[in-house]
Amino acid sequence: MVNAFGENKIAAFLSVEGGAVLGGDIDVIDALYEKGVRILTLTWNGQNELGDGCFTENAKGLSPFGVNCVKK
C-alpha cells in the first residue's frame, strides 16, 4: 500500500465482511489467505459463531471459537 501510494498507483486489500463465511471451520482462514484475503471482519450487525455484533442485545463479545480465530 505504501509503495503504491509513493508510485501514485491504486492499491486494494481483498477482504471478507463477517466471520460467518468460516462456517465453524477455523481452517477456512488458511484457505481464504491462500486466495489472497487479508482482512476478515469478525461480526457485522448481528451475532454469528465468532461473537456478537453491534445490534446484538446483551452482547457478550467473542465466543470461544471467535477467540481461537483471532489467535490464529
N, C-alpha and C. Protein backbone atom coordinates (compact mmCIF):
# COMPACT_ATOMS: atom_id res chain seq x y z
N MET A 1 0.83 -1.17 0.00
CA MET A 1 0.00 0.00 0.00
C MET A 1 0.88 1.24 0.00
N VAL A 2 1.89 1.26 0.84
CA VAL A 2 2.79 2.42 0.91
C VAL A 2 3.52 2.60 -0.41
N ASN A 3 4.02 1.50 -0.98
CA ASN A 3 4.71 1.58 -2.27
C ASN A 3 3.78 2.11 -3.35
N ALA A 4 2.56 1.62 -3.39
CA ALA A 4 1.60 2.07 -4.40
C ALA A 4 1.34 3.57 -4.25
N PHE A 5 1.17 4.02 -3.02
CA PHE A 5 0.94 5.44 -2.78
C PHE A 5 2.11 6.26 -3.28
N GLY A 6 3.32 5.81 -2.97
CA GLY A 6 4.52 6.52 -3.39
C GLY A 6 4.70 6.55 -4.89
N GLU A 7 4.15 5.56 -5.58
CA GLU A 7 4.25 5.47 -7.04
C GLU A 7 2.99 6.00 -7.73
N ASN A 8 2.11 6.64 -6.96
CA ASN A 8 0.87 7.19 -7.48
C ASN A 8 0.00 6.13 -8.17
N LYS A 9 -0.05 4.94 -7.57
CA LYS A 9 -0.85 3.84 -8.10
C LYS A 9 -1.97 3.52 -7.13
N ILE A 10 -2.94 2.80 -7.63
CA ILE A 10 -4.06 2.36 -6.81
C ILE A 10 -3.73 1.00 -6.20
N ALA A 11 -4.09 0.80 -4.94
CA ALA A 11 -3.89 -0.48 -4.27
C ALA A 11 -5.16 -0.84 -3.52
N ALA A 12 -5.33 -2.12 -3.27
CA ALA A 12 -6.52 -2.59 -2.55
C ALA A 12 -6.18 -3.82 -1.72
N PHE A 13 -7.00 -4.06 -0.71
CA PHE A 13 -6.89 -5.27 0.09
C PHE A 13 -8.14 -6.10 -0.14
N LEU A 14 -7.96 -7.39 -0.39
CA LEU A 14 -9.09 -8.30 -0.52
C LEU A 14 -9.59 -8.62 0.88
N SER A 15 -10.89 -8.45 1.10
CA SER A 15 -11.44 -8.65 2.44
C SER A 15 -12.78 -9.38 2.38
N VAL A 16 -13.17 -9.93 3.52
CA VAL A 16 -14.46 -10.59 3.67
C VAL A 16 -15.15 -9.97 4.88
N GLU A 17 -16.41 -9.61 4.72
CA GLU A 17 -17.16 -8.98 5.81
C GLU A 17 -17.99 -10.03 6.54
N GLY A 18 -17.63 -10.28 7.77
CA GLY A 18 -18.37 -11.21 8.62
C GLY A 18 -17.76 -12.60 8.66
N GLY A 19 -17.47 -13.05 9.85
CA GLY A 19 -16.83 -14.35 10.05
C GLY A 19 -17.72 -15.54 9.79
N ALA A 20 -18.99 -15.31 9.48
CA ALA A 20 -19.89 -16.43 9.19
C ALA A 20 -19.40 -17.25 8.00
N VAL A 21 -18.58 -16.64 7.16
CA VAL A 21 -18.03 -17.35 6.00
C VAL A 21 -17.21 -18.57 6.42
N LEU A 22 -16.73 -18.59 7.64
CA LEU A 22 -15.92 -19.72 8.11
C LEU A 22 -16.75 -20.99 8.31
N GLY A 23 -18.03 -20.84 8.54
CA GLY A 23 -18.89 -22.00 8.71
C GLY A 23 -18.47 -22.90 9.86
N GLY A 24 -17.86 -22.32 10.88
CA GLY A 24 -17.44 -23.10 12.04
C GLY A 24 -16.12 -23.84 11.86
N ASP A 25 -15.45 -23.62 10.75
CA ASP A 25 -14.20 -24.33 10.44
C ASP A 25 -13.04 -23.35 10.43
N ILE A 26 -12.22 -23.39 11.46
CA ILE A 26 -11.10 -22.44 11.58
C ILE A 26 -10.10 -22.57 10.44
N ASP A 27 -10.02 -23.74 9.81
CA ASP A 27 -9.08 -23.93 8.71
C ASP A 27 -9.46 -23.14 7.46
N VAL A 28 -10.69 -22.66 7.39
CA VAL A 28 -11.11 -21.82 6.27
C VAL A 28 -10.29 -20.53 6.25
N ILE A 29 -9.80 -20.10 7.41
CA ILE A 29 -8.94 -18.91 7.46
C ILE A 29 -7.74 -19.10 6.55
N ASP A 30 -7.11 -20.26 6.62
CA ASP A 30 -5.95 -20.54 5.76
C ASP A 30 -6.35 -20.56 4.29
N ALA A 31 -7.49 -21.15 3.98
CA ALA A 31 -7.95 -21.21 2.59
C ALA A 31 -8.21 -19.81 2.04
N LEU A 32 -8.82 -18.96 2.85
CA LEU A 32 -9.06 -17.58 2.42
C LEU A 32 -7.74 -16.85 2.21
N TYR A 33 -6.79 -17.06 3.11
CA TYR A 33 -5.48 -16.41 2.99
C TYR A 33 -4.79 -16.84 1.70
N GLU A 34 -4.86 -18.13 1.38
CA GLU A 34 -4.24 -18.63 0.15
C GLU A 34 -4.86 -18.00 -1.09
N LYS A 35 -6.12 -17.60 -0.98
CA LYS A 35 -6.80 -16.95 -2.11
C LYS A 35 -6.60 -15.44 -2.12
N GLY A 36 -5.82 -14.93 -1.17
CA GLY A 36 -5.48 -13.52 -1.18
C GLY A 36 -6.21 -12.64 -0.18
N VAL A 37 -7.13 -13.21 0.59
CA VAL A 37 -7.85 -12.43 1.59
C VAL A 37 -6.90 -12.05 2.71
N ARG A 38 -6.89 -10.77 3.05
CA ARG A 38 -6.01 -10.29 4.12
C ARG A 38 -6.76 -9.65 5.27
N ILE A 39 -8.05 -9.42 5.10
CA ILE A 39 -8.87 -8.82 6.15
C ILE A 39 -10.16 -9.62 6.26
N LEU A 40 -10.51 -10.00 7.49
CA LEU A 40 -11.76 -10.69 7.77
C LEU A 40 -12.39 -10.02 8.99
N THR A 41 -13.53 -9.37 8.80
CA THR A 41 -14.20 -8.81 9.96
C THR A 41 -14.86 -9.94 10.73
N LEU A 42 -14.89 -9.83 12.03
CA LEU A 42 -15.39 -10.93 12.86
C LEU A 42 -16.91 -11.03 12.83
N THR A 43 -17.58 -9.92 13.04
CA THR A 43 -19.04 -9.90 13.04
C THR A 43 -19.49 -8.69 12.24
N TRP A 44 -20.78 -8.59 12.07
CA TRP A 44 -21.36 -7.41 11.44
C TRP A 44 -22.41 -6.90 12.39
N ASN A 45 -23.62 -6.68 11.96
CA ASN A 45 -24.65 -6.17 12.87
C ASN A 45 -25.15 -7.21 13.85
N GLY A 46 -25.31 -8.44 13.40
CA GLY A 46 -25.88 -9.49 14.24
C GLY A 46 -24.84 -10.43 14.79
N GLN A 47 -25.33 -11.42 15.47
CA GLN A 47 -24.48 -12.44 16.08
C GLN A 47 -24.13 -13.51 15.05
N ASN A 48 -22.93 -14.05 15.13
CA ASN A 48 -22.55 -15.23 14.37
C ASN A 48 -21.71 -16.12 15.29
N GLU A 49 -21.14 -17.17 14.74
CA GLU A 49 -20.41 -18.13 15.57
C GLU A 49 -19.15 -17.55 16.21
N LEU A 50 -18.68 -16.39 15.71
CA LEU A 50 -17.50 -15.78 16.29
C LEU A 50 -17.81 -14.86 17.46
N GLY A 51 -19.01 -14.31 17.47
CA GLY A 51 -19.37 -13.43 18.57
C GLY A 51 -20.59 -12.59 18.27
N ASP A 52 -20.77 -11.58 19.07
CA ASP A 52 -21.94 -10.71 18.98
C ASP A 52 -21.62 -9.47 18.16
N GLY A 53 -22.57 -9.08 17.31
CA GLY A 53 -22.44 -7.88 16.51
C GLY A 53 -22.95 -6.66 17.25
N CYS A 54 -22.90 -5.52 16.58
CA CYS A 54 -23.23 -4.25 17.24
C CYS A 54 -24.71 -4.13 17.59
N PHE A 55 -25.59 -4.89 16.94
CA PHE A 55 -27.02 -4.81 17.26
C PHE A 55 -27.51 -5.99 18.09
N THR A 56 -26.60 -6.78 18.63
CA THR A 56 -26.98 -7.92 19.47
C THR A 56 -27.33 -7.41 20.87
N GLU A 57 -28.55 -7.74 21.32
CA GLU A 57 -28.93 -7.36 22.68
C GLU A 57 -28.13 -8.20 23.68
N ASN A 58 -27.75 -7.58 24.78
CA ASN A 58 -26.98 -8.25 25.83
C ASN A 58 -25.71 -8.91 25.27
N ALA A 59 -25.02 -8.18 24.42
CA ALA A 59 -23.82 -8.71 23.77
C ALA A 59 -22.78 -9.15 24.79
N LYS A 60 -22.14 -10.25 24.51
CA LYS A 60 -21.13 -10.81 25.40
C LYS A 60 -19.76 -10.89 24.75
N GLY A 61 -19.59 -10.25 23.59
CA GLY A 61 -18.29 -10.24 22.95
C GLY A 61 -18.03 -11.47 22.11
N LEU A 62 -16.77 -11.87 22.08
CA LEU A 62 -16.37 -13.02 21.26
C LEU A 62 -16.75 -14.34 21.91
N SER A 63 -17.07 -15.30 21.06
CA SER A 63 -17.29 -16.67 21.52
C SER A 63 -15.93 -17.34 21.67
N PRO A 64 -15.86 -18.50 22.30
CA PRO A 64 -14.58 -19.23 22.35
C PRO A 64 -14.02 -19.49 20.94
N PHE A 65 -14.90 -19.82 19.99
CA PHE A 65 -14.45 -20.02 18.61
C PHE A 65 -13.87 -18.72 18.04
N GLY A 66 -14.53 -17.60 18.34
CA GLY A 66 -14.04 -16.31 17.88
C GLY A 66 -12.67 -15.98 18.46
N VAL A 67 -12.47 -16.28 19.72
CA VAL A 67 -11.16 -16.05 20.35
C VAL A 67 -10.09 -16.89 19.65
N ASN A 68 -10.39 -18.14 19.37
CA ASN A 68 -9.43 -19.01 18.68
C ASN A 68 -9.11 -18.50 17.28
N CYS A 69 -10.12 -17.97 16.60
CA CYS A 69 -9.89 -17.42 15.26
C CYS A 69 -8.96 -16.21 15.33
N VAL A 70 -9.17 -15.34 16.31
CA VAL A 70 -8.31 -14.17 16.46
C VAL A 70 -6.88 -14.61 16.76
N LYS A 71 -6.71 -15.60 17.60
CA LYS A 71 -5.37 -16.10 17.92
C LYS A 71 -4.68 -16.66 16.68
N LYS A 72 -5.44 -17.34 15.82
CA LYS A 72 -4.87 -17.92 14.61
C LYS A 72 -4.39 -16.82 13.69
